[in-house]
Protein backbone atom coordinates (compact mmCIF):
# COMPACT_ATOMS: atom_id res chain seq x y z
CA MET A 1 -10.28 33.56 88.16
CA ALA A 2 -6.91 35.21 87.63
CA LEU A 3 -5.52 36.11 84.21
CA VAL A 4 -1.93 35.93 85.47
CA ALA A 5 -0.01 33.70 87.89
CA PRO A 6 3.05 34.72 89.96
CA VAL A 7 6.29 32.72 89.70
CA THR A 8 9.90 33.12 90.76
CA ILE A 9 12.44 32.88 87.96
CA GLN A 10 16.17 32.88 87.45
CA LYS A 11 16.94 35.82 85.19
CA ILE A 12 20.23 35.69 83.29
CA SER A 13 21.62 38.77 81.57
CA GLY A 14 25.07 38.47 80.11
CA ASP A 15 27.16 36.81 82.83
CA SER A 16 24.91 37.87 85.73
CA LEU A 17 22.12 35.88 87.37
CA LYS A 18 19.45 36.99 89.81
CA GLU A 19 16.27 35.57 91.27
CA THR A 20 13.23 37.74 90.61
CA PRO A 21 9.41 37.53 90.64
CA ASP A 22 7.56 37.30 87.35
CA LEU A 23 4.00 36.86 86.01
CA LEU A 24 2.75 34.26 83.55
CA ALA A 25 -0.47 34.09 81.55
CA VAL A 26 -2.78 31.50 83.10
CA GLU A 27 -3.70 28.54 80.88
CA GLU A 28 -6.49 26.18 81.93
CA PRO A 29 -8.96 23.91 80.11
CA LEU A 30 -12.54 24.95 79.49
CA GLU A 31 -15.14 22.35 78.61
CA ILE A 32 -18.23 23.67 76.85
CA ARG A 33 -21.34 21.56 77.43
CA LEU A 34 -24.68 22.01 75.71
CA GLY A 35 -28.09 21.43 77.24
CA PHE A 36 -30.52 20.88 74.38
CA GLY A 37 -33.70 19.18 73.26
CA PRO A 38 -37.43 19.56 73.94
CA VAL A 39 -38.64 20.53 77.40
CA ASP A 40 -39.69 16.98 78.26
CA ASP A 41 -36.47 15.37 77.00
CA ARG A 42 -33.50 17.61 77.81
CA GLN A 43 -30.06 16.19 77.08
CA GLN A 44 -26.49 17.22 77.81
CA ARG A 45 -23.43 16.80 75.62
CA SER A 46 -19.87 18.09 75.64
CA VAL A 47 -19.15 20.03 72.45
CA ALA A 48 -15.58 21.28 72.90
CA VAL A 49 -12.61 21.50 75.22
CA THR A 50 -10.19 24.36 74.70
CA MET A 51 -7.12 25.60 76.57
CA ARG A 52 -7.83 29.20 77.47
CA THR A 53 -6.99 32.05 79.81
CA PRO A 54 -9.89 32.23 82.33
CA GLY A 55 -12.15 35.24 82.00
CA HIS A 56 -15.04 36.10 79.68
CA ASP A 57 -15.75 32.36 79.44
CA GLU A 58 -19.40 32.94 78.57
CA GLU A 59 -18.38 35.15 75.64
CA LEU A 60 -15.88 32.53 74.49
CA ALA A 61 -18.60 29.87 74.47
CA MET A 62 -21.10 32.08 72.65
CA GLY A 63 -18.53 33.17 70.08
CA PHE A 64 -17.55 29.56 69.42
CA LEU A 65 -21.14 28.37 69.14
CA PHE A 66 -22.07 31.24 66.83
CA THR A 67 -19.10 30.84 64.48
CA GLU A 68 -19.77 27.09 64.30
CA GLY A 69 -23.36 27.80 63.23
CA ILE A 70 -25.02 26.27 66.31
CA ILE A 71 -26.71 29.48 67.45
CA GLN A 72 -27.83 32.49 65.41
CA ARG A 73 -29.23 34.95 67.96
CA PRO A 74 -29.03 35.66 71.71
CA SER A 75 -32.56 34.30 72.20
CA ASP A 76 -31.25 30.85 71.25
CA ILE A 77 -29.62 30.76 74.70
CA ILE A 78 -31.62 30.21 77.89
CA SER A 79 -28.63 30.36 80.23
CA CYS A 80 -24.85 30.19 80.20
CA ARG A 81 -23.07 29.45 83.47
CA HIS A 82 -20.24 27.53 85.08
CA CYS A 83 -21.06 24.10 86.49
CA VAL A 84 -20.51 23.82 90.24
CA GLN A 85 -21.43 20.16 90.82
CA ASP A 86 -17.88 18.93 90.12
CA SER A 87 -15.65 20.74 92.62
CA ALA A 88 -12.49 19.38 90.98
CA LYS A 89 -13.43 21.15 87.74
CA GLU A 90 -15.04 24.21 89.28
CA GLY A 91 -14.75 27.16 86.94
CA ASN A 92 -13.54 25.03 84.03
CA VAL A 93 -16.87 23.60 82.84
CA LEU A 94 -19.42 25.88 81.23
CA ARG A 95 -22.95 24.71 80.45
CA VAL A 96 -24.94 26.51 77.78
CA GLU A 97 -28.67 25.77 77.86
CA LEU A 98 -30.18 26.15 74.40
CA HIS A 99 -33.79 27.07 73.68
CA PRO A 100 -35.87 23.92 73.07
CA ASP A 101 -36.49 25.03 69.47
CA VAL A 102 -32.76 25.05 68.61
CA VAL A 103 -31.87 21.92 66.66
CA VAL A 104 -28.19 20.93 66.78
CA ASP A 105 -26.83 19.24 63.66
CA TRP A 106 -24.11 17.15 65.32
CA ALA A 107 -22.93 15.59 62.08
CA ARG A 108 -22.40 18.99 60.47
CA LEU A 109 -20.72 20.31 63.61
CA ASN A 110 -18.20 17.46 63.51
CA ARG A 111 -17.45 18.15 59.85
CA ASN A 112 -17.11 21.91 60.20
CA THR A 113 -14.85 22.36 63.23
CA PHE A 114 -11.75 24.14 61.89
CA THR A 115 -9.62 24.17 65.04
CA SER A 116 -6.94 21.75 63.79
CA SER A 117 -4.38 22.44 61.09
CA SER A 118 -4.22 18.67 60.50
CA CYS A 119 -7.94 18.16 59.90
CA GLY A 120 -7.31 16.43 56.57
CA LEU A 121 -9.57 18.71 54.54
CA CYS A 122 -8.34 20.34 51.38
CA GLY A 123 -8.57 24.10 51.05
CA LYS A 124 -11.57 24.07 48.71
CA THR A 125 -13.49 21.73 51.01
CA THR A 126 -12.79 23.99 53.98
CA ILE A 127 -13.96 27.12 52.16
CA ASP A 128 -17.05 25.38 50.72
CA ALA A 129 -18.02 24.24 54.22
CA VAL A 130 -17.74 27.78 55.58
CA MET A 131 -19.66 29.26 52.66
CA ALA A 132 -22.54 26.92 53.47
CA LEU A 133 -22.81 28.60 56.90
CA THR A 134 -22.52 32.23 55.77
CA PRO A 135 -24.98 34.50 53.91
CA GLY A 136 -22.40 34.73 51.11
CA PRO A 137 -19.76 37.32 50.13
CA LEU A 138 -19.61 40.37 52.38
CA SER A 139 -21.15 43.61 51.20
CA SER A 140 -20.08 46.73 53.09
CA ASP A 141 -19.10 50.31 52.31
CA PHE A 142 -16.61 50.26 55.20
CA LEU A 143 -13.65 52.48 54.25
CA LEU A 144 -10.47 53.01 56.22
CA GLU A 145 -7.69 55.59 56.05
CA PRO A 146 -4.15 54.11 56.08
CA THR A 147 -3.31 56.27 59.10
CA VAL A 148 -6.00 54.43 61.10
CA LEU A 149 -4.29 51.10 60.48
CA HIS A 150 -0.88 52.58 61.35
CA ALA A 151 -2.19 53.70 64.73
CA LEU A 152 -3.99 50.46 65.69
CA PRO A 153 -1.10 48.38 67.09
CA GLU A 154 -0.27 50.96 69.74
CA ARG A 155 -3.92 51.67 70.56
CA VAL A 156 -4.64 47.99 71.07
CA ARG A 157 -1.41 47.41 73.01
CA THR A 158 -2.34 50.07 75.56
CA ALA A 159 -5.66 48.27 76.11
CA GLN A 160 -4.02 44.85 76.66
CA ARG A 161 -3.99 44.60 80.42
CA ALA A 162 -2.76 40.99 80.65
CA PHE A 163 -0.13 41.42 77.93
CA ALA A 164 1.39 44.32 79.84
CA TYR A 165 2.14 41.94 82.74
CA THR A 166 3.08 38.75 80.86
CA GLY A 167 4.09 39.55 77.27
CA GLY A 168 2.57 36.18 76.36
CA ILE A 169 -1.08 36.63 75.46
CA HIS A 170 -3.01 37.34 72.27
CA ALA A 171 -5.55 40.07 71.66
CA ALA A 172 -8.50 40.60 69.33
CA ALA A 173 -9.86 44.13 69.04
CA LEU A 174 -12.97 45.60 67.44
CA PHE A 175 -12.58 49.05 65.92
CA ASP A 176 -14.59 51.50 63.83
CA ALA A 177 -13.70 53.47 60.69
CA ALA A 178 -12.31 56.33 62.80
CA GLY A 179 -9.90 53.94 64.54
CA THR A 180 -11.72 53.98 67.86
CA VAL A 181 -11.11 50.71 69.69
CA LEU A 182 -14.56 49.56 70.77
CA LEU A 183 -13.71 46.29 72.50
CA VAL A 184 -10.63 44.20 73.32
CA ARG A 185 -10.44 40.61 74.48
CA GLU A 186 -7.30 38.68 75.48
CA ASP A 187 -6.45 35.00 75.68
CA ILE A 188 -3.46 32.73 75.45
CA GLY A 189 -5.10 31.25 72.33
CA ARG A 190 -5.65 33.35 69.19
CA HIS A 191 -8.92 31.56 68.41
CA ASN A 192 -10.20 32.04 71.94
CA ALA A 193 -9.45 35.77 71.95
CA LEU A 194 -11.46 36.16 68.75
CA ASP A 195 -14.29 33.95 70.03
CA LYS A 196 -14.49 36.10 73.17
CA LEU A 197 -14.66 39.25 71.04
CA ILE A 198 -17.32 37.89 68.69
CA GLY A 199 -19.23 36.41 71.63
CA ALA A 200 -19.34 39.81 73.32
CA ALA A 201 -20.61 41.44 70.13
CA PHE A 202 -23.13 38.62 69.64
CA TRP A 203 -24.59 39.08 73.12
CA GLN A 204 -24.88 42.85 72.56
CA ASN A 205 -26.81 42.23 69.31
CA TRP A 206 -24.11 44.01 67.30
CA LEU A 207 -23.88 41.34 64.59
CA PRO A 208 -23.32 41.52 61.72
CA LEU A 209 -20.31 43.77 62.21
CA SER A 210 -20.57 45.33 58.76
CA GLN A 211 -19.22 48.73 59.88
CA SER A 212 -16.32 47.48 61.98
CA GLY A 213 -12.90 45.92 61.56
CA ILE A 214 -11.06 43.40 63.70
CA PHE A 215 -7.40 43.68 64.64
CA LEU A 216 -5.41 40.62 65.74
CA SER A 217 -2.12 40.63 67.62
CA GLY A 218 -0.69 37.57 65.86
CA ARG A 219 -0.77 35.82 62.50
CA ILE A 220 -3.93 35.10 60.48
CA GLY A 221 -4.92 31.47 60.00
CA VAL A 222 -7.89 30.37 57.92
CA GLU A 223 -10.02 29.66 60.99
CA LEU A 224 -9.71 33.30 62.11
CA VAL A 225 -10.95 34.46 58.70
CA GLN A 226 -13.80 31.95 58.99
CA LYS A 227 -14.89 33.30 62.38
CA SER A 228 -14.67 36.92 61.18
CA TRP A 229 -16.66 36.08 58.04
CA MET A 230 -19.40 34.51 60.15
CA ALA A 231 -19.54 37.74 62.17
CA GLY A 232 -19.87 39.86 59.00
CA VAL A 233 -16.54 41.68 59.45
CA PRO A 234 -15.47 43.45 56.21
CA LEU A 235 -11.85 44.07 57.24
CA LEU A 236 -9.42 41.89 59.17
CA ALA A 237 -6.00 43.26 60.13
CA ALA A 238 -3.14 41.66 62.00
CA VAL A 239 0.38 42.29 63.23
CA GLY A 240 1.51 39.00 61.67
CA ALA A 241 1.29 37.25 58.32
CA PRO A 242 -1.70 35.44 56.81
CA SER A 243 -1.54 31.90 55.50
CA SER A 244 -2.24 31.12 51.84
CA LEU A 245 -5.60 29.55 52.70
CA ALA A 246 -6.52 32.55 54.86
CA VAL A 247 -6.01 34.81 51.83
CA GLN A 248 -7.96 32.43 49.60
CA MET A 249 -10.90 32.41 52.02
CA ALA A 250 -10.80 36.22 52.42
CA GLN A 251 -11.01 36.58 48.64
CA GLU A 252 -14.03 34.26 48.52
CA ALA A 253 -15.62 36.19 51.39
CA GLY A 254 -15.05 39.59 49.82
CA MET A 255 -13.13 40.52 52.98
CA THR A 256 -10.26 43.00 53.10
CA LEU A 257 -7.24 41.26 54.61
CA THR A 258 -4.15 43.15 55.80
CA GLY A 259 -1.05 41.76 57.47
CA PHE A 260 2.23 42.97 58.96
CA VAL A 261 0.40 45.99 60.38
CA ARG A 262 3.26 47.52 62.33
CA ASP A 263 6.00 50.14 62.12
CA GLU A 264 3.94 52.42 59.86
CA ARG A 265 3.47 49.77 57.16
CA PHE A 266 1.10 46.97 56.15
CA ASN A 267 0.36 44.61 53.25
CA VAL A 268 -3.07 44.26 51.63
CA TYR A 269 -3.93 40.77 50.37
CA SER A 270 -7.55 41.15 49.25
CA LYS A 271 -10.22 43.78 48.59
CA ALA A 272 -7.81 46.73 48.66
CA GLU A 273 -10.61 49.15 47.76
CA ARG A 274 -11.64 49.37 51.42
CA ILE A 275 -8.33 51.11 52.16
CA ASN A 276 -8.31 54.73 50.98
CA VAL A 277 -5.00 54.74 49.13
CA HIS A 278 -5.71 57.81 46.96
CA SER A 279 -3.84 60.15 49.28
CA LEU A 280 -0.86 57.82 49.28
CA LEU A 281 -0.84 57.66 45.51
CA ALA A 282 -1.01 61.45 45.27
CA THR A 283 1.94 61.77 47.66
CA SER A 284 4.05 59.28 45.72
CA LEU A 285 3.54 60.99 42.35
C-alpha cells in the first residue's frame, strides 16, 4: 500500500496560477479485529477502527493493543495479518489472533479507550484509569544533554520519508541518550504514529523503554502521554505544546515532558532533573 497519492492541483502564487502535480498523504480506515477464546470456542470481535496512513499496520495494532492493556508480551499473539476474505476491504482489515490464555476484559477496554477528547471523563478519572494499567511512577536514570534535544527536530525530519513528499504527516521517533534516532514511524494520525512506534518496540521485546526517549512532531495530548507511560518511556519531547492534562499525567507518571522543541529552545513541564541543565546554568552566571 502506498503512503502517498498523486494529484493535480492549481497552484496560486501572487497573481499567477499554474497546474502542477502534487503528492498527498494517504488516509484510509483500518479495522482491528481480535480472534480470542479457548481453542474449542474461538470468537471474533472488532475492537477499533482508525483512520491511518497504510503501512506498518501490524505494529499499529500491536501498539494499540499493548497501550490499552489487552496484551503484555509478544507471546500473547499467535498471528497478526490482513483479512483477504472481503475483497472490498482488502488491506484495511487486520485480524490479531490472541493466545487462548489471554482473557480480554471488554468492559475495562470500553472504559479505558482515550481516543476521544469528548469522552466525558474528568481529568482525575482519566489518570486513575491509566494508573491502574501501569506499574506505577516511572523510575529511570535516563539523562539528556540540552544539545541532544536541540538536534532532534532536524534528525527526525531527515528520517521522515513521507513528510518530505507531502508535508502533511506526523512522526514519532525513538532515540537514546546520545541523540541517536533508533526508529521512526509516520502516520497521518499522531496516535497512530506513536502506536506504530510502540508496536515495533513491543515486537522486538524492547519494552519497557526505560533508557529511551520519544520525540513527537506535533502537540502532546494526554493520550500520547498515556501510551508513552505504558511503554515505560521516561522522557517525552515534542515540537508542539502539551495540554494541561498531558502535563498533569506526566507529573503523576514521573515522566519528563518537554514541548516547543525547536529553534534551539524548549520548555520543560515536569521532571526537569532528567535534563542536564548544569552547563546551561554555569554559562548564564
